[in-house]
């Protein structure tokens, strides 16, 4: 797998959220994620113990990893800058980080 990119995302507070990332090899081709599992989390600070876990789905053949939060989860997030990452675990228990970055939670008026 290629080096993990830093990708900032924007999450609307009080609304459903989803984003799909594609795992790629160094030659640009999609990584076959057969046998992989994934986790993704968001928290206010790197050392914070308060976190929210994304629901994660993998489409093995296309290298797609979809993260999502429900409206109930996003309304509970503090508005402003937070941090997230998506980790992959291979069938051989090798852990890698697919993507990481800042998540900007945009405050909602109607929540």
N, C-alpha and C. Protein backbone atom coordinates (compact mmCIF):
# COMPACT_ATOMS: atom_id res chain seq x y z
N UNK A 1 0.84 -1.16 0.00
CA UNK A 1 0.00 0.00 0.00
C UNK A 1 0.89 1.24 0.00
N UNK A 2 0.42 2.28 -0.66
CA UNK A 2 1.15 3.54 -0.73
C UNK A 2 1.11 4.25 0.63
N UNK A 3 1.93 5.28 0.77
CA UNK A 3 1.98 6.07 2.01
C UNK A 3 0.62 6.70 2.27
N UNK A 4 0.21 6.72 3.54
CA UNK A 4 -1.11 7.26 3.88
C UNK A 4 -1.14 8.77 3.69
N UNK A 5 -2.18 9.27 3.05
CA UNK A 5 -2.30 10.71 2.85
C UNK A 5 -2.94 11.40 4.05
N UNK A 6 -2.69 12.70 4.15
CA UNK A 6 -3.39 13.53 5.11
C UNK A 6 -4.53 14.18 4.34
N UNK A 7 -5.75 13.90 4.75
CA UNK A 7 -6.94 14.44 4.09
C UNK A 7 -7.85 15.04 5.14
N UNK A 8 -8.08 16.34 5.03
CA UNK A 8 -8.99 17.00 5.95
C UNK A 8 -10.42 16.80 5.46
N UNK A 9 -11.35 16.63 6.40
CA UNK A 9 -12.75 16.42 6.06
C UNK A 9 -13.62 17.43 6.80
N UNK A 10 -14.81 17.64 6.32
CA UNK A 10 -15.77 18.54 6.95
C UNK A 10 -17.02 17.74 7.30
N UNK A 11 -17.46 17.84 8.56
CA UNK A 11 -18.61 17.08 9.05
C UNK A 11 -19.69 18.06 9.50
N UNK A 12 -20.87 18.00 8.89
CA UNK A 12 -21.95 18.88 9.33
C UNK A 12 -22.59 18.36 10.62
N UNK A 13 -22.57 19.16 11.66
CA UNK A 13 -23.13 18.76 12.95
C UNK A 13 -24.64 18.55 12.82
N UNK A 14 -25.14 17.44 13.32
CA UNK A 14 -26.57 17.15 13.30
C UNK A 14 -27.07 16.54 12.00
N UNK A 15 -26.16 16.13 11.12
CA UNK A 15 -26.55 15.50 9.85
C UNK A 15 -25.76 14.20 9.68
N UNK A 16 -26.32 13.29 8.88
CA UNK A 16 -25.59 12.07 8.55
C UNK A 16 -24.33 12.45 7.77
N UNK A 17 -23.26 11.68 7.96
CA UNK A 17 -21.99 11.94 7.28
C UNK A 17 -21.43 10.63 6.75
N UNK A 18 -20.85 10.67 5.55
CA UNK A 18 -20.09 9.53 5.05
C UNK A 18 -19.03 10.02 4.08
N UNK A 19 -17.95 9.28 4.01
CA UNK A 19 -16.84 9.60 3.10
C UNK A 19 -16.16 8.29 2.75
N UNK A 20 -15.84 8.13 1.47
CA UNK A 20 -15.15 6.92 1.01
C UNK A 20 -13.73 7.26 0.59
N UNK A 21 -12.80 6.47 1.07
CA UNK A 21 -11.39 6.60 0.69
C UNK A 21 -11.01 5.35 -0.10
N UNK A 22 -10.09 5.50 -1.04
CA UNK A 22 -9.63 4.38 -1.85
C UNK A 22 -8.18 4.07 -1.49
N UNK A 23 -7.93 2.83 -1.05
CA UNK A 23 -6.56 2.38 -0.77
C UNK A 23 -5.88 2.08 -2.09
N UNK A 24 -4.69 2.64 -2.28
CA UNK A 24 -3.97 2.46 -3.54
C UNK A 24 -2.56 1.97 -3.31
N UNK A 25 -2.09 1.25 -4.30
CA UNK A 25 -0.70 0.79 -4.31
C UNK A 25 0.18 1.94 -4.81
N UNK A 26 1.49 1.78 -4.69
CA UNK A 26 2.41 2.83 -5.12
C UNK A 26 2.33 3.11 -6.62
N UNK A 27 1.84 2.14 -7.42
CA UNK A 27 1.69 2.37 -8.86
C UNK A 27 0.35 3.00 -9.22
N UNK A 28 -0.48 3.30 -8.20
CA UNK A 28 -1.76 3.96 -8.43
C UNK A 28 -2.94 3.01 -8.55
N UNK A 29 -2.70 1.71 -8.61
CA UNK A 29 -3.79 0.76 -8.71
C UNK A 29 -4.46 0.56 -7.35
N UNK A 30 -5.72 0.17 -7.37
CA UNK A 30 -6.47 -0.05 -6.13
C UNK A 30 -5.92 -1.26 -5.38
N UNK A 31 -5.82 -1.15 -4.08
CA UNK A 31 -5.37 -2.24 -3.23
C UNK A 31 -6.52 -3.23 -3.03
N UNK A 32 -6.23 -4.51 -3.18
CA UNK A 32 -7.23 -5.53 -2.88
C UNK A 32 -7.28 -5.69 -1.36
N UNK A 33 -8.40 -5.34 -0.77
CA UNK A 33 -8.54 -5.37 0.68
C UNK A 33 -9.21 -6.65 1.20
N UNK A 34 -9.15 -7.72 0.42
CA UNK A 34 -9.70 -9.00 0.88
C UNK A 34 -8.99 -9.42 2.16
N UNK A 35 -9.76 -9.77 3.18
CA UNK A 35 -9.20 -10.21 4.45
C UNK A 35 -8.85 -9.07 5.40
N UNK A 36 -9.07 -7.84 5.00
CA UNK A 36 -8.76 -6.70 5.86
C UNK A 36 -9.96 -6.34 6.73
N UNK A 37 -9.69 -5.75 7.87
CA UNK A 37 -10.71 -5.10 8.70
C UNK A 37 -10.24 -3.66 8.90
N UNK A 38 -11.15 -2.81 9.35
CA UNK A 38 -10.79 -1.40 9.51
C UNK A 38 -11.50 -0.80 10.72
N UNK A 39 -10.87 0.21 11.31
CA UNK A 39 -11.47 1.01 12.35
C UNK A 39 -11.17 2.47 12.05
N UNK A 40 -12.05 3.35 12.52
CA UNK A 40 -11.84 4.78 12.34
C UNK A 40 -12.41 5.50 13.55
N UNK A 41 -11.69 6.50 14.03
CA UNK A 41 -12.11 7.23 15.21
C UNK A 41 -11.87 8.71 15.02
N UNK A 42 -12.64 9.51 15.77
CA UNK A 42 -12.49 10.96 15.77
C UNK A 42 -12.45 11.42 17.22
N UNK A 43 -11.56 12.39 17.51
CA UNK A 43 -11.52 12.97 18.84
C UNK A 43 -10.97 14.39 18.78
N UNK A 44 -11.24 15.14 19.81
CA UNK A 44 -10.92 16.57 19.85
C UNK A 44 -9.41 16.82 19.84
N UNK A 45 -8.67 16.04 20.59
CA UNK A 45 -7.21 16.18 20.70
C UNK A 45 -6.59 14.80 20.60
N UNK A 46 -5.34 14.75 20.17
CA UNK A 46 -4.67 13.46 20.05
C UNK A 46 -4.65 12.68 21.35
N UNK A 47 -4.50 13.37 22.48
CA UNK A 47 -4.41 12.67 23.75
C UNK A 47 -5.74 12.56 24.49
N UNK A 48 -6.83 12.95 23.85
CA UNK A 48 -8.16 12.88 24.47
C UNK A 48 -8.60 11.43 24.60
N UNK A 49 -9.27 11.12 25.72
CA UNK A 49 -9.81 9.77 25.90
C UNK A 49 -11.27 9.71 25.45
N UNK A 50 -11.89 10.87 25.20
CA UNK A 50 -13.26 10.94 24.71
C UNK A 50 -13.23 10.86 23.18
N UNK A 51 -13.79 9.81 22.61
CA UNK A 51 -13.75 9.64 21.16
C UNK A 51 -15.06 9.09 20.64
N UNK A 52 -15.23 9.21 19.34
CA UNK A 52 -16.39 8.63 18.66
C UNK A 52 -15.86 7.71 17.57
N UNK A 53 -16.41 6.51 17.47
CA UNK A 53 -16.01 5.57 16.42
C UNK A 53 -16.93 5.70 15.22
N UNK A 54 -16.35 5.75 14.05
CA UNK A 54 -17.11 5.72 12.81
C UNK A 54 -17.57 4.29 12.53
N UNK A 55 -18.66 4.14 11.80
CA UNK A 55 -19.00 2.85 11.21
C UNK A 55 -18.14 2.74 9.96
N UNK A 56 -17.53 1.57 9.75
CA UNK A 56 -16.60 1.41 8.63
C UNK A 56 -17.04 0.23 7.77
N UNK A 57 -17.07 0.45 6.46
CA UNK A 57 -17.37 -0.62 5.50
C UNK A 57 -16.25 -0.71 4.48
N UNK A 58 -15.92 -1.92 4.07
CA UNK A 58 -14.85 -2.15 3.10
C UNK A 58 -15.42 -2.80 1.85
N UNK A 59 -15.07 -2.27 0.69
CA UNK A 59 -15.36 -2.92 -0.59
C UNK A 59 -14.02 -3.45 -1.09
N UNK A 60 -13.75 -4.71 -0.83
CA UNK A 60 -12.43 -5.31 -1.05
C UNK A 60 -11.91 -5.14 -2.46
N UNK A 61 -12.74 -5.40 -3.46
CA UNK A 61 -12.28 -5.42 -4.85
C UNK A 61 -11.86 -4.05 -5.38
N UNK A 62 -12.45 -2.99 -4.83
CA UNK A 62 -12.12 -1.64 -5.33
C UNK A 62 -11.18 -0.89 -4.39
N UNK A 63 -10.85 -1.46 -3.24
CA UNK A 63 -10.01 -0.78 -2.27
C UNK A 63 -10.74 0.30 -1.52
N UNK A 64 -12.07 0.32 -1.60
CA UNK A 64 -12.86 1.36 -0.97
C UNK A 64 -13.09 1.11 0.51
N UNK A 65 -12.90 2.18 1.30
CA UNK A 65 -13.17 2.13 2.74
C UNK A 65 -14.09 3.32 3.03
N UNK A 66 -15.32 3.00 3.44
CA UNK A 66 -16.32 4.04 3.71
C UNK A 66 -16.47 4.21 5.21
N UNK A 67 -16.34 5.48 5.67
CA UNK A 67 -16.58 5.79 7.07
C UNK A 67 -17.88 6.58 7.16
N UNK A 68 -18.62 6.38 8.23
CA UNK A 68 -19.88 7.11 8.36
C UNK A 68 -20.24 7.33 9.82
N UNK A 69 -21.02 8.40 10.03
CA UNK A 69 -21.58 8.74 11.34
C UNK A 69 -23.05 9.06 11.14
N UNK A 70 -23.87 8.74 12.11
CA UNK A 70 -25.29 9.08 12.05
C UNK A 70 -25.47 10.53 12.51
N UNK A 71 -26.64 11.08 12.24
CA UNK A 71 -26.96 12.44 12.70
C UNK A 71 -26.87 12.53 14.22
N UNK A 72 -27.29 11.48 14.92
CA UNK A 72 -27.21 11.47 16.39
C UNK A 72 -25.75 11.53 16.85
N UNK A 73 -24.86 10.90 16.12
CA UNK A 73 -23.44 10.95 16.49
C UNK A 73 -22.83 12.32 16.19
N UNK A 74 -23.16 12.90 15.03
CA UNK A 74 -22.55 14.18 14.68
C UNK A 74 -23.06 15.32 15.56
N UNK A 75 -24.32 15.25 16.00
CA UNK A 75 -24.84 16.30 16.88
C UNK A 75 -24.12 16.29 18.23
N UNK A 76 -23.60 15.15 18.62
CA UNK A 76 -22.89 15.03 19.89
C UNK A 76 -21.43 15.49 19.80
N UNK A 77 -20.92 15.70 18.58
CA UNK A 77 -19.54 16.16 18.42
C UNK A 77 -19.44 17.65 18.74
N UNK A 78 -18.35 18.07 19.37
CA UNK A 78 -18.11 19.48 19.59
C UNK A 78 -17.79 20.15 18.26
N UNK A 79 -18.38 21.31 18.02
CA UNK A 79 -18.07 22.06 16.80
C UNK A 79 -16.61 22.51 16.85
N UNK A 80 -16.01 22.61 15.67
CA UNK A 80 -14.61 23.05 15.56
C UNK A 80 -13.72 21.93 15.08
N UNK A 81 -12.42 22.15 15.25
CA UNK A 81 -11.42 21.21 14.74
C UNK A 81 -11.29 19.99 15.63
N UNK A 82 -11.28 18.83 15.00
CA UNK A 82 -11.02 17.56 15.67
C UNK A 82 -10.03 16.79 14.80
N UNK A 83 -9.65 15.60 15.21
CA UNK A 83 -8.70 14.78 14.46
C UNK A 83 -9.29 13.39 14.27
N UNK A 84 -8.95 12.76 13.15
CA UNK A 84 -9.46 11.42 12.86
C UNK A 84 -8.37 10.62 12.16
N UNK A 85 -8.55 9.33 12.16
CA UNK A 85 -7.74 8.45 11.32
C UNK A 85 -8.51 7.18 11.01
N UNK A 86 -8.04 6.49 9.97
CA UNK A 86 -8.63 5.22 9.53
C UNK A 86 -7.49 4.21 9.50
N UNK A 87 -7.64 3.14 10.28
CA UNK A 87 -6.62 2.09 10.35
C UNK A 87 -7.11 0.81 9.69
N UNK A 88 -6.20 0.15 9.00
CA UNK A 88 -6.48 -1.14 8.37
C UNK A 88 -5.66 -2.22 9.05
N UNK A 89 -6.26 -3.40 9.16
CA UNK A 89 -5.55 -4.56 9.71
C UNK A 89 -5.69 -5.69 8.70
N UNK A 90 -4.55 -6.18 8.22
CA UNK A 90 -4.56 -7.27 7.23
C UNK A 90 -4.85 -8.60 7.90
N UNK A 91 -5.09 -9.62 7.08
CA UNK A 91 -5.33 -10.96 7.63
C UNK A 91 -4.10 -11.50 8.36
N UNK A 92 -2.92 -10.92 8.07
CA UNK A 92 -1.68 -11.32 8.75
C UNK A 92 -1.43 -10.43 9.98
N UNK A 93 -2.45 -9.63 10.38
CA UNK A 93 -2.39 -8.74 11.54
C UNK A 93 -1.43 -7.57 11.39
N UNK A 94 -1.11 -7.20 10.15
CA UNK A 94 -0.30 -6.01 9.90
C UNK A 94 -1.21 -4.80 9.97
N UNK A 95 -0.82 -3.82 10.78
CA UNK A 95 -1.63 -2.62 10.97
C UNK A 95 -1.03 -1.47 10.17
N UNK A 96 -1.88 -0.77 9.42
CA UNK A 96 -1.42 0.40 8.67
C UNK A 96 -2.48 1.49 8.78
N UNK A 97 -2.08 2.71 8.57
CA UNK A 97 -3.01 3.83 8.61
C UNK A 97 -3.31 4.22 7.16
N UNK A 98 -4.57 4.12 6.78
CA UNK A 98 -4.99 4.45 5.42
C UNK A 98 -4.99 5.95 5.19
N UNK A 99 -5.54 6.69 6.14
CA UNK A 99 -5.67 8.14 6.00
C UNK A 99 -5.80 8.75 7.39
N UNK A 100 -5.42 10.02 7.49
CA UNK A 100 -5.54 10.75 8.74
C UNK A 100 -5.70 12.22 8.41
N UNK A 101 -6.13 12.99 9.39
CA UNK A 101 -6.22 14.42 9.16
C UNK A 101 -7.11 15.11 10.17
N UNK A 102 -7.42 16.36 9.85
CA UNK A 102 -8.31 17.14 10.68
C UNK A 102 -9.74 16.96 10.18
N UNK A 103 -10.66 16.98 11.12
CA UNK A 103 -12.08 16.93 10.80
C UNK A 103 -12.68 18.22 11.34
N UNK A 104 -13.22 19.02 10.46
CA UNK A 104 -13.85 20.27 10.86
C UNK A 104 -15.35 20.01 11.05
N UNK A 105 -15.80 20.09 12.30
CA UNK A 105 -17.21 19.88 12.60
C UNK A 105 -17.89 21.25 12.54
N UNK A 106 -18.75 21.41 11.53
CA UNK A 106 -19.45 22.67 11.31
C UNK A 106 -20.70 22.71 12.16
N UNK A 107 -20.79 23.71 13.04
CA UNK A 107 -21.92 23.83 13.95
C UNK A 107 -23.24 23.92 13.18
N UNK A 108 -24.23 23.24 13.68
CA UNK A 108 -25.55 23.26 13.06
C UNK A 108 -26.49 24.20 13.81
N UNK A 109 -27.35 24.85 13.10
CA UNK A 109 -28.35 25.73 13.71
C UNK A 109 -29.54 24.88 14.17
N UNK A 110 -29.99 24.00 13.29
CA UNK A 110 -31.11 23.12 13.60
C UNK A 110 -30.55 21.75 13.95
N UNK A 111 -30.55 21.41 15.24
CA UNK A 111 -30.00 20.12 15.66
C UNK A 111 -30.99 19.40 16.54
